[in-house]
Amino acid sequence: MPGISFSPDRMLQGRLFSYGDAHRYRLGVNHQQIPVNAPRCPFHNYHRDGAMRVDGNSGNGPTYEPNSFGVFQEQPDFSEPPLSVEGAAAHWDHREDTDYFSQPRKLYELLSDEEHQRMFARIAGDMKDVPEFIQQRQIGLFSEVHPDYGAGVAAALRALKEAK
């Protein structure tokens, strides 16, 4: 929609990448042509051939720009709208923003005790065959999110080791 763009929210940016990447992996580059995935308005791109091609493969016209036939011309009216910020916004250095734990902490705090226990058991089951030094490093990261999170995963891992 003209004038609407994506915010710089890190969770949203990650989802924008991962969802499209998953579609391309599972369904191929033409995943947006499959009728159930197709947008209501026509979607035009330069892709040709590939898995799940469900149309006429763009006919015999060019699918590149610039070209001499007036097809697929750049349309500045549909460019990304400017993002209002204070100061210059040429490049975002992700290394300056080190708040890696506030969003997962909020999610952790929303979960019930039963959900915590299920999560600890699931994570421990997936981590049980991982080398010990990596387990300890990951438990440290879980503890940064919330002390009970790290302790819960550590306890679940101990229980699995003792059960062997």
C-alpha atoms as a PDB file:
ATOM      1  CA  MET A   1       0.000   0.000   0.000  1.00  0.00           C
ATOM      2  CA  PRO A   2       1.554   3.345  -0.950  1.00  0.00           C
ATOM      3  CA  GLY A   3       2.851   5.274   2.038  1.00  0.00           C
ATOM      4  CA  ILE A   4       2.982   2.329   4.435  1.00  0.00           C
ATOM      5  CA  SER A   5       6.237   0.587   5.171  1.00  0.00           C
ATOM      6  CA  PHE A   6       7.795  -1.677   7.751  1.00  0.00           C
ATOM      7  CA  SER A   7       8.986  -0.295  11.072  1.00  0.00           C
ATOM      8  CA  PRO A   8      12.578  -0.866  12.216  1.00  0.00           C
ATOM      9  CA  ASP A   9      11.348  -3.218  14.974  1.00  0.00           C
ATOM     10  CA  ARG A  10      13.863  -6.064  15.206  1.00  0.00           C
ATOM     11  CA  MET A  11      11.258  -8.769  15.717  1.00  0.00           C
ATOM     12  CA  LEU A  12       9.310  -7.593  12.670  1.00  0.00           C
ATOM     13  CA  GLN A  13      12.467  -7.366  10.559  1.00  0.00           C
ATOM     14  CA  GLY A  14      13.420 -10.903  11.546  1.00  0.00           C
ATOM     15  CA  ARG A  15       9.972 -12.203  10.677  1.00  0.00           C
ATOM     16  CA  LEU A  16       9.949 -10.398   7.331  1.00  0.00           C
ATOM     17  CA  PHE A  17      13.124 -12.216   6.421  1.00  0.00           C
ATOM     18  CA  SER A  18      12.377 -15.609   7.922  1.00  0.00           C
ATOM     19  CA  TYR A  19       8.816 -16.006   6.618  1.00  0.00           C
ATOM     20  CA  GLY A  20       9.791 -15.189   3.035  1.00  0.00           C
ATOM     21  CA  ASP A  21      12.891 -17.355   3.318  1.00  0.00           C
ATOM     22  CA  ALA A  22      10.814 -20.298   4.562  1.00  0.00           C
ATOM     23  CA  HIS A  23       8.363 -19.877   1.673  1.00  0.00           C
ATOM     24  CA  ARG A  24      11.185 -19.768  -0.870  1.00  0.00           C
ATOM     25  CA  TYR A  25      12.764 -22.873   0.649  1.00  0.00           C
ATOM     26  CA  ARG A  26       9.559 -24.919   0.849  1.00  0.00           C
ATOM     27  CA  LEU A  27       7.662 -23.749  -2.221  1.00  0.00           C
ATOM     28  CA  GLY A  28      10.219 -22.105  -4.486  1.00  0.00           C
ATOM     29  CA  VAL A  29      10.790 -18.621  -5.775  1.00  0.00           C
ATOM     30  CA  ASN A  30       7.278 -18.472  -7.227  1.00  0.00           C
ATOM     31  CA  HIS A  31       5.461 -19.031  -3.923  1.00  0.00           C
ATOM     32  CA  GLN A  32       3.467 -15.811  -4.400  1.00  0.00           C
ATOM     33  CA  GLN A  33       1.850 -17.175  -7.565  1.00  0.00           C
ATOM     34  CA  ILE A  34       0.253 -20.186  -5.930  1.00  0.00           C
ATOM     35  CA  PRO A  35      -3.442 -19.215  -5.770  1.00  0.00           C
ATOM     36  CA  VAL A  36      -3.760 -19.577  -1.993  1.00  0.00           C
ATOM     37  CA  ASN A  37      -0.708 -17.319  -1.489  1.00  0.00           C
ATOM     38  CA  ALA A  38      -1.400 -14.860  -4.310  1.00  0.00           C
ATOM     39  CA  PRO A  39      -2.161 -11.263  -3.330  1.00  0.00           C
ATOM     40  CA  ARG A  40      -5.502  -9.841  -4.443  1.00  0.00           C
ATOM     41  CA  CYS A  41      -3.767  -7.258  -6.588  1.00  0.00           C
ATOM     42  CA  PRO A  42      -1.446  -8.404  -9.384  1.00  0.00           C
ATOM     43  CA  PHE A  43       2.093  -9.091  -8.238  1.00  0.00           C
ATOM     44  CA  HIS A  44       4.822  -8.458 -10.805  1.00  0.00           C
ATOM     45  CA  ASN A  45       8.416  -9.529 -10.443  1.00  0.00           C
ATOM     46  CA  TYR A  46      11.336 -10.561 -12.607  1.00  0.00           C
ATOM     47  CA  HIS A  47      11.280 -14.229 -11.647  1.00  0.00           C
ATOM     48  CA  ARG A  48      11.070 -16.767 -14.423  1.00  0.00           C
ATOM     49  CA  ASP A  49      10.978 -20.550 -14.342  1.00  0.00           C
ATOM     50  CA  GLY A  50      11.586 -22.393 -11.085  1.00  0.00           C
ATOM     51  CA  ALA A  51       9.464 -24.542  -8.839  1.00  0.00           C
ATOM     52  CA  MET A  52       5.713 -23.944  -8.487  1.00  0.00           C
ATOM     53  CA  ARG A  53       5.391 -21.783 -11.584  1.00  0.00           C
ATOM     54  CA  VAL A  54       1.611 -21.655 -12.087  1.00  0.00           C
ATOM     55  CA  ASP A  55       1.191 -19.079 -14.838  1.00  0.00           C
ATOM     56  CA  GLY A  56       2.437 -18.541 -18.381  1.00  0.00           C
ATOM     57  CA  ASN A  57       6.012 -17.958 -17.209  1.00  0.00           C
ATOM     58  CA  SER A  58       5.774 -14.259 -18.147  1.00  0.00           C
ATOM     59  CA  GLY A  59       5.298 -15.108 -21.806  1.00  0.00           C
ATOM     60  CA  ASN A  60       8.164 -14.308 -24.119  1.00  0.00           C
ATOM     61  CA  GLY A  61       8.659 -10.690 -23.032  1.00  0.00           C
ATOM     62  CA  PRO A  62      11.624  -9.393 -21.093  1.00  0.00           C
ATOM     63  CA  THR A  63      11.643  -9.748 -17.334  1.00  0.00           C
ATOM     64  CA  TYR A  64      14.441  -7.298 -16.643  1.00  0.00           C
ATOM     65  CA  GLU A  65      14.741  -3.561 -16.251  1.00  0.00           C
ATOM     66  CA  PRO A  66      15.773  -1.391 -17.991  1.00  0.00           C
ATOM     67  CA  ASN A  67      14.619  -2.810 -21.301  1.00  0.00           C
ATOM     68  CA  SER A  68      13.671  -1.423 -24.707  1.00  0.00           C
ATOM     69  CA  PHE A  69      10.057  -2.604 -24.671  1.00  0.00           C
ATOM     70  CA  GLY A  70       8.543  -0.490 -21.893  1.00  0.00           C
ATOM     71  CA  VAL A  71       7.909  -3.523 -19.697  1.00  0.00           C
ATOM     72  CA  PHE A  72       8.865  -3.611 -16.009  1.00  0.00           C
ATOM     73  CA  GLN A  73       9.852   0.015 -15.683  1.00  0.00           C
ATOM     74  CA  GLU A  74      10.907   1.423 -12.341  1.00  0.00           C
ATOM     75  CA  GLN A  75       8.049   3.279 -10.645  1.00  0.00           C
ATOM     76  CA  PRO A  76       9.345   5.818  -8.110  1.00  0.00           C
ATOM     77  CA  ASP A  77       5.792   6.404  -6.820  1.00  0.00           C
ATOM     78  CA  PHE A  78       6.000   2.999  -5.137  1.00  0.00           C
ATOM     79  CA  SER A  79       9.395   3.410  -3.514  1.00  0.00           C
ATOM     80  CA  GLU A  80       9.910   2.978   0.214  1.00  0.00           C
ATOM     81  CA  PRO A  81       8.515   6.022   2.084  1.00  0.00           C
ATOM     82  CA  PRO A  82      10.963   8.015   4.206  1.00  0.00           C
ATOM     83  CA  LEU A  83      11.245   7.090   7.862  1.00  0.00           C
ATOM     84  CA  SER A  84      11.103  10.078  10.214  1.00  0.00           C
ATOM     85  CA  VAL A  85      13.988   9.959  12.651  1.00  0.00           C
ATOM     86  CA  GLU A  86      16.101  12.428  14.573  1.00  0.00           C
ATOM     87  CA  GLY A  87      19.484  12.806  12.903  1.00  0.00           C
ATOM     88  CA  ALA A  88      20.801  10.908   9.908  1.00  0.00           C
ATOM     89  CA  ALA A  89      19.566   7.384   9.227  1.00  0.00           C
ATOM     90  CA  ALA A  90      21.926   6.103   6.573  1.00  0.00           C
ATOM     91  CA  HIS A  91      22.844   2.828   8.265  1.00  0.00           C
ATOM     92  CA  TRP A  92      21.831   1.120  11.478  1.00  0.00           C
ATOM     93  CA  ASP A  93      24.718  -0.412  13.370  1.00  0.00           C
ATOM     94  CA  HIS A  94      23.161  -3.364  15.158  1.00  0.00           C
ATOM     95  CA  ARG A  95      26.215  -3.651  17.408  1.00  0.00           C
ATOM     96  CA  GLU A  96      25.268  -0.411  19.199  1.00  0.00           C
ATOM     97  CA  ASP A  97      21.903  -1.742  20.377  1.00  0.00           C
ATOM     98  CA  THR A  98      22.672  -4.495  22.857  1.00  0.00           C
ATOM     99  CA  ASP A  99      19.231  -4.956  24.393  1.00  0.00           C
ATOM    100  CA  TYR A 100      18.912  -8.604  23.449  1.00  0.00           C
ATOM    101  CA  PHE A 101      16.914  -9.741  26.439  1.00  0.00           C
ATOM    102  CA  SER A 102      13.997  -7.393  27.172  1.00  0.00           C
ATOM    103  CA  GLN A 103      11.617  -8.876  24.561  1.00  0.00           C
ATOM    104  CA  PRO A 104      12.232 -12.520  25.526  1.00  0.00           C
ATOM    105  CA  ARG A 105      11.993 -11.521  29.221  1.00  0.00           C
ATOM    106  CA  LYS A 106       8.543 -10.044  28.637  1.00  0.00           C
ATOM    107  CA  LEU A 107       7.445 -13.230  26.884  1.00  0.00           C
ATOM    108  CA  TYR A 108       8.868 -15.381  29.683  1.00  0.00           C
ATOM    109  CA  GLU A 109       6.984 -13.351  32.269  1.00  0.00           C
ATOM    110  CA  LEU A 110       3.715 -13.878  30.377  1.00  0.00           C
ATOM    111  CA  LEU A 111       3.944 -17.671  30.551  1.00  0.00           C
ATOM    112  CA  SER A 112       2.318 -19.689  33.324  1.00  0.00           C
ATOM    113  CA  ASP A 113       4.277 -22.043  35.601  1.00  0.00           C
ATOM    114  CA  GLU A 114       2.968 -25.022  33.624  1.00  0.00           C
ATOM    115  CA  GLU A 115       4.157 -23.444  30.370  1.00  0.00           C
ATOM    116  CA  HIS A 116       7.553 -22.756  31.967  1.00  0.00           C
ATOM    117  CA  GLN A 117       7.906 -26.421  32.946  1.00  0.00           C
ATOM    118  CA  ARG A 118       6.963 -27.614  29.457  1.00  0.00           C
ATOM    119  CA  MET A 119       9.420 -25.158  27.930  1.00  0.00           C
ATOM    120  CA  PHE A 120      12.237 -26.269  30.263  1.00  0.00           C
ATOM    121  CA  ALA A 121      11.594 -29.933  29.431  1.00  0.00           C
ATOM    122  CA  ARG A 122      11.442 -29.274  25.690  1.00  0.00           C
ATOM    123  CA  ILE A 123      14.639 -27.202  25.649  1.00  0.00           C
ATOM    124  CA  ALA A 124      16.488 -29.701  27.846  1.00  0.00           C
ATOM    125  CA  GLY A 125      15.417 -32.545  25.570  1.00  0.00           C
ATOM    126  CA  ASP A 126      16.834 -30.695  22.578  1.00  0.00           C
ATOM    127  CA  MET A 127      20.041 -29.732  24.402  1.00  0.00           C
ATOM    128  CA  LYS A 128      20.854 -33.051  26.070  1.00  0.00           C
ATOM    129  CA  ASP A 129      23.258 -34.181  23.318  1.00  0.00           C
ATOM    130  CA  VAL A 130      24.925 -30.784  22.901  1.00  0.00           C
ATOM    131  CA  PRO A 131      28.483 -30.489  24.305  1.00  0.00           C
ATOM    132  CA  GLU A 132      28.584 -29.426  27.973  1.00  0.00           C
ATOM    133  CA  PHE A 133      30.385 -26.122  27.355  1.00  0.00           C
ATOM    134  CA  ILE A 134      27.712 -25.058  24.866  1.00  0.00           C
ATOM    135  CA  GLN A 135      24.966 -26.080  27.300  1.00  0.00           C
ATOM    136  CA  GLN A 136      26.535 -23.885  29.992  1.00  0.00           C
ATOM    137  CA  ARG A 137      26.883 -20.953  27.624  1.00  0.00           C
ATOM    138  CA  GLN A 138      23.234 -21.284  26.571  1.00  0.00           C
ATOM    139  CA  ILE A 139      22.045 -21.562  30.173  1.00  0.00           C
ATOM    140  CA  GLY A 140      23.941 -18.323  30.824  1.00  0.00           C
ATOM    141  CA  LEU A 141      21.983 -16.657  28.025  1.00  0.00           C
ATOM    142  CA  PHE A 142      18.701 -18.016  29.394  1.00  0.00           C
ATOM    143  CA  SER A 143      19.680 -16.599  32.806  1.00  0.00           C
ATOM    144  CA  GLU A 144      20.210 -13.179  31.215  1.00  0.00           C
ATOM    145  CA  VAL A 145      16.585 -13.337  30.077  1.00  0.00           C
ATOM    146  CA  HIS A 146      15.398 -14.312  33.563  1.00  0.00           C
ATOM    147  CA  PRO A 147      17.268 -16.087  36.397  1.00  0.00           C
ATOM    148  CA  ASP A 148      14.460 -18.642  36.765  1.00  0.00           C
ATOM    149  CA  TYR A 149      14.674 -19.415  33.048  1.00  0.00           C
ATOM    150  CA  GLY A 150      18.333 -20.428  33.254  1.00  0.00           C
ATOM    151  CA  ALA A 151      17.797 -22.322  36.506  1.00  0.00           C
ATOM    152  CA  GLY A 152      14.785 -24.171  35.092  1.00  0.00           C
ATOM    153  CA  VAL A 153      16.605 -25.346  31.976  1.00  0.00           C
ATOM    154  CA  ALA A 154      19.658 -26.343  34.056  1.00  0.00           C
ATOM    155  CA  ALA A 155      17.453 -28.366  36.430  1.00  0.00           C
ATOM    156  CA  ALA A 156      15.698 -30.085  33.518  1.00  0.00           C
ATOM    157  CA  LEU A 157      19.077 -30.979  31.978  1.00  0.00           C
ATOM    158  CA  ARG A 158      20.288 -32.399  35.325  1.00  0.00           C
ATOM    159  CA  ALA A 159      17.116 -34.485  35.602  1.00  0.00           C
ATOM    160  CA  LEU A 160      17.683 -35.912  32.119  1.00  0.00           C
ATOM    161  CA  LYS A 161      21.310 -36.780  32.930  1.00  0.00           C
ATOM    162  CA  GLU A 162      20.327 -38.455  36.204  1.00  0.00           C
ATOM    163  CA  ALA A 163      17.627 -40.476  34.417  1.00  0.00           C
ATOM    164  CA  LYS A 164      20.204 -42.101  32.128  1.00  0.00           C
END
